[in-house]
Amino acid sequence: MPPSRWSRAAAEAMDTDAIQAAMPSPPISGGAAADRIADALGTPNVIGEKAAVTAFVVRRFVDRGLLADLSANPDGTLHHPDQVDQVCRRKDLADLVAADTPLGPEQAAARLRVRRADFDHMVRLGWVRSPQSIEVRFGTSRAGAVDVALYTTASVDAIPAAHPEVDWEQLRAVEKGRRSPLASLRPAPAPA
């Protein structure tokens, strides 16, 4: 490893070690943080049932700067339990969780009251971006696995206001099998 990379990695490791040394208890996983947040909302996550709050929401809280990720693992997060408890005491916790709740493409299209094909054009146009995807398996084989993009509820809800040039009522009235009015639009050029 080049010296500059090693120095950065060593500094990050020392910061993590210092943080962990100052903690009264070990860090908790993103799943455990999600469980604490769900409990704080009065909607506990129950094994075997759809989770009220997921690790996806916890990752969005990290993106917002509400929680620090103490892990260098891209497949999971670790959090200071006191920081999670502090987030759980926020008066706007329910609103934050609702805004960061994941939606698949079908759910996003239904929320906007448009066809899935229209939502796919919105993605192509760059009107909404997926911060994370999940692997969904069909059957027991990896050959039947597909990646499904997830979108935050807030990012989906923001689309109509961000694009007033679209006649949303007309778009919502397009019948199945008809070409989307969004099909002829081109993505805006990327800023230089």
Protein backbone atom coordinates (compact mmCIF):
# COMPACT_ATOMS: atom_id res chain seq x y z
CA MET A 1 0.00 0.00 0.00
CA PRO A 2 1.44 3.44 -0.85
CA PRO A 3 2.52 5.46 2.22
CA SER A 4 -0.18 8.12 1.78
CA ARG A 5 -2.92 5.47 1.69
CA TRP A 6 -1.44 3.70 4.70
CA SER A 7 -1.29 6.97 6.64
CA ARG A 8 -4.93 7.74 5.89
CA ALA A 9 -6.00 4.19 6.77
CA ALA A 10 -3.96 4.32 10.01
CA ALA A 11 -5.50 7.68 10.96
CA GLU A 12 -8.99 6.37 10.29
CA ALA A 13 -8.24 3.24 12.33
CA MET A 14 -6.96 5.36 15.22
CA ASP A 15 -10.07 7.52 15.13
CA THR A 16 -12.27 4.43 15.18
CA ASP A 17 -10.20 2.95 18.01
CA ALA A 18 -10.45 6.20 19.98
CA ILE A 19 -14.19 6.32 19.47
CA GLN A 20 -14.63 2.71 20.50
CA ALA A 21 -12.41 3.19 23.57
CA ALA A 22 -14.63 6.07 24.70
CA MET A 23 -17.80 4.02 24.34
CA PRO A 24 -19.30 2.48 27.48
CA SER A 25 -20.49 -0.49 25.43
CA PRO A 26 -19.57 -1.99 22.07
CA PRO A 27 -21.00 -0.54 18.86
CA ILE A 28 -24.28 -1.90 17.57
CA SER A 29 -25.12 -3.06 14.06
CA GLY A 30 -27.33 -1.19 11.62
CA GLY A 31 -30.01 -3.81 12.19
CA ALA A 32 -29.87 -3.30 15.95
CA ALA A 33 -30.01 0.48 15.42
CA ALA A 34 -33.09 -0.01 13.20
CA ASP A 35 -34.69 -2.10 15.96
CA ARG A 36 -34.05 0.66 18.54
CA ILE A 37 -35.53 3.30 16.22
CA ALA A 38 -38.59 1.11 15.57
CA ASP A 39 -39.04 0.63 19.32
CA ALA A 40 -38.79 4.41 19.87
CA LEU A 41 -41.59 4.89 17.35
CA GLY A 42 -43.75 2.32 19.13
CA THR A 43 -43.67 -0.02 16.11
CA PRO A 44 -41.15 -2.70 17.11
CA ASN A 45 -39.55 -4.87 14.46
CA VAL A 46 -40.83 -8.41 14.92
CA ILE A 47 -38.91 -11.42 13.60
CA GLY A 48 -40.81 -13.07 10.77
CA GLU A 49 -42.83 -9.94 9.94
CA LYS A 50 -42.08 -6.97 7.68
CA ALA A 51 -39.77 -4.60 9.54
CA ALA A 52 -41.15 -1.19 10.52
CA VAL A 53 -37.64 0.33 10.28
CA THR A 54 -34.84 -1.26 8.27
CA ALA A 55 -31.08 -0.92 7.94
CA PHE A 56 -31.80 1.02 4.69
CA VAL A 57 -33.25 3.82 6.85
CA VAL A 58 -30.23 3.67 9.15
CA ARG A 59 -27.91 4.07 6.13
CA ARG A 60 -29.90 7.13 5.03
CA PHE A 61 -29.48 8.53 8.56
CA VAL A 62 -25.72 8.08 8.08
CA ASP A 63 -25.99 9.91 4.73
CA ARG A 64 -27.86 12.76 6.48
CA GLY A 65 -25.15 12.99 9.15
CA LEU A 66 -27.53 11.93 11.93
CA LEU A 67 -25.49 8.81 12.72
CA ALA A 68 -21.81 8.01 12.32
CA ASP A 69 -20.79 4.72 10.75
CA LEU A 70 -17.96 3.22 12.81
CA SER A 71 -17.41 0.40 10.33
CA ALA A 72 -15.30 0.28 7.20
CA ASN A 73 -17.40 -2.62 5.96
CA PRO A 74 -19.47 -1.70 2.87
CA ASP A 75 -21.93 -4.51 3.64
CA GLY A 76 -22.90 -3.33 7.11
CA THR A 77 -22.73 -0.46 9.55
CA LEU A 78 -21.79 -0.09 13.20
CA HIS A 79 -23.07 2.71 15.43
CA HIS A 80 -22.43 4.24 18.82
CA PRO A 81 -25.40 3.13 20.97
CA ASP A 82 -25.65 6.52 22.73
CA GLN A 83 -25.81 8.30 19.36
CA VAL A 84 -28.61 5.96 18.24
CA ASP A 85 -30.47 6.67 21.49
CA GLN A 86 -30.04 10.41 20.88
CA VAL A 87 -31.58 10.06 17.42
CA CYS A 88 -34.43 8.03 18.95
CA ARG A 89 -35.31 11.01 21.18
CA ARG A 90 -35.78 13.41 18.23
CA LYS A 91 -39.27 14.89 17.99
CA ASP A 92 -39.15 14.58 14.18
CA LEU A 93 -38.08 10.91 14.22
CA ALA A 94 -41.30 9.64 12.62
CA ASP A 95 -41.00 12.19 9.79
CA LEU A 96 -37.35 11.27 9.20
CA VAL A 97 -38.14 7.56 9.06
CA ALA A 98 -41.10 8.17 6.74
CA ALA A 99 -38.94 10.26 4.38
CA ASP A 100 -36.22 7.61 4.27
CA THR A 101 -38.46 4.56 3.97
CA PRO A 102 -37.41 2.50 0.93
CA LEU A 103 -39.62 2.06 -2.10
CA GLY A 104 -39.02 -0.35 -4.94
CA PRO A 105 -39.75 0.82 -8.49
CA GLU A 106 -43.29 -0.62 -8.48
CA GLN A 107 -44.06 1.03 -5.14
CA ALA A 108 -42.57 4.34 -6.32
CA ALA A 109 -44.71 4.29 -9.48
CA ALA A 110 -47.82 3.50 -7.41
CA ARG A 111 -47.01 6.34 -4.99
CA LEU A 112 -46.77 8.77 -7.93
CA ARG A 113 -49.92 7.20 -9.46
CA VAL A 114 -48.12 6.55 -12.76
CA ARG A 115 -47.29 3.40 -14.69
CA ARG A 116 -44.03 1.60 -14.00
CA ALA A 117 -42.88 2.49 -17.55
CA ASP A 118 -43.32 6.19 -16.75
CA PHE A 119 -41.32 5.82 -13.54
CA ASP A 120 -38.56 4.02 -15.47
CA HIS A 121 -38.34 7.09 -17.74
CA MET A 122 -38.01 9.31 -14.66
CA VAL A 123 -35.05 7.19 -13.55
CA ARG A 124 -33.53 7.34 -17.07
CA LEU A 125 -33.95 11.12 -17.06
CA GLY A 126 -32.11 11.38 -13.74
CA TRP A 127 -35.11 12.79 -11.87
CA VAL A 128 -34.59 10.30 -9.05
CA ARG A 129 -31.59 8.24 -8.00
CA SER A 130 -31.34 5.03 -6.06
CA PRO A 131 -29.01 5.22 -3.05
CA GLN A 132 -29.00 1.44 -2.69
CA SER A 133 -30.18 -1.76 -4.29
CA ILE A 134 -30.97 -5.16 -2.85
CA GLU A 135 -30.59 -8.61 -4.33
CA VAL A 136 -33.88 -10.45 -4.66
CA ARG A 137 -33.74 -14.18 -5.28
CA PHE A 138 -36.34 -16.28 -6.99
CA GLY A 139 -36.14 -19.89 -5.88
CA THR A 140 -32.98 -21.29 -4.30
CA SER A 141 -30.51 -20.55 -7.09
CA ARG A 142 -28.40 -17.41 -7.55
CA ALA A 143 -29.25 -17.74 -11.24
CA GLY A 144 -32.68 -16.42 -10.31
CA ALA A 145 -31.32 -13.36 -8.45
CA VAL A 146 -31.86 -9.79 -9.61
CA ASP A 147 -30.83 -6.44 -8.17
CA VAL A 148 -33.76 -4.18 -7.33
CA ALA A 149 -33.13 -0.46 -6.92
CA LEU A 150 -34.56 1.19 -3.82
CA TYR A 151 -35.59 4.85 -3.62
CA THR A 152 -36.36 6.99 -0.59
CA THR A 153 -39.95 8.08 -0.14
CA ALA A 154 -38.83 11.72 0.09
CA SER A 155 -36.97 11.56 -3.24
CA VAL A 156 -40.01 10.04 -4.97
CA ASP A 157 -42.38 12.57 -3.39
CA ALA A 158 -40.13 15.44 -4.61
CA ILE A 159 -40.39 14.53 -8.31
CA PRO A 160 -43.67 16.33 -9.20
CA ALA A 161 -42.64 19.60 -7.54
CA ALA A 162 -39.21 19.44 -9.22
CA HIS A 163 -40.81 18.95 -12.65
CA PRO A 164 -43.77 21.32 -13.00
CA GLU A 165 -43.27 21.22 -16.78
CA VAL A 166 -44.95 17.81 -16.77
CA ASP A 167 -48.72 17.67 -16.99
CA TRP A 168 -49.07 15.16 -14.15
CA GLU A 169 -52.79 14.62 -14.60
CA GLN A 170 -52.28 13.83 -18.29
CA LEU A 171 -49.36 11.52 -17.45
CA ARG A 172 -51.48 9.69 -14.88
CA ALA A 173 -54.26 9.24 -17.42
CA VAL A 174 -52.11 7.49 -20.07
CA GLU A 175 -53.54 4.05 -20.67
CA LYS A 176 -51.63 0.79 -20.50
CA GLY A 177 -49.92 0.01 -23.81
CA ARG A 178 -49.64 3.67 -24.83
CA ARG A 179 -46.28 5.40 -25.28
CA SER A 180 -45.19 7.49 -22.33
CA PRO A 181 -45.06 11.26 -22.87
CA LEU A 182 -41.70 11.08 -21.06
CA ALA A 183 -40.21 8.76 -23.71
CA SER A 184 -39.25 11.64 -26.02
CA LEU A 185 -37.49 13.65 -23.28
CA ARG A 186 -33.71 13.58 -23.04
CA PRO A 187 -31.73 13.74 -19.80
CA ALA A 188 -30.33 17.16 -18.95
CA PRO A 189 -26.62 17.42 -19.71
CA ALA A 190 -24.38 16.70 -16.76
CA PRO A 191 -22.92 19.86 -15.16
CA ALA A 192 -19.29 20.44 -16.05
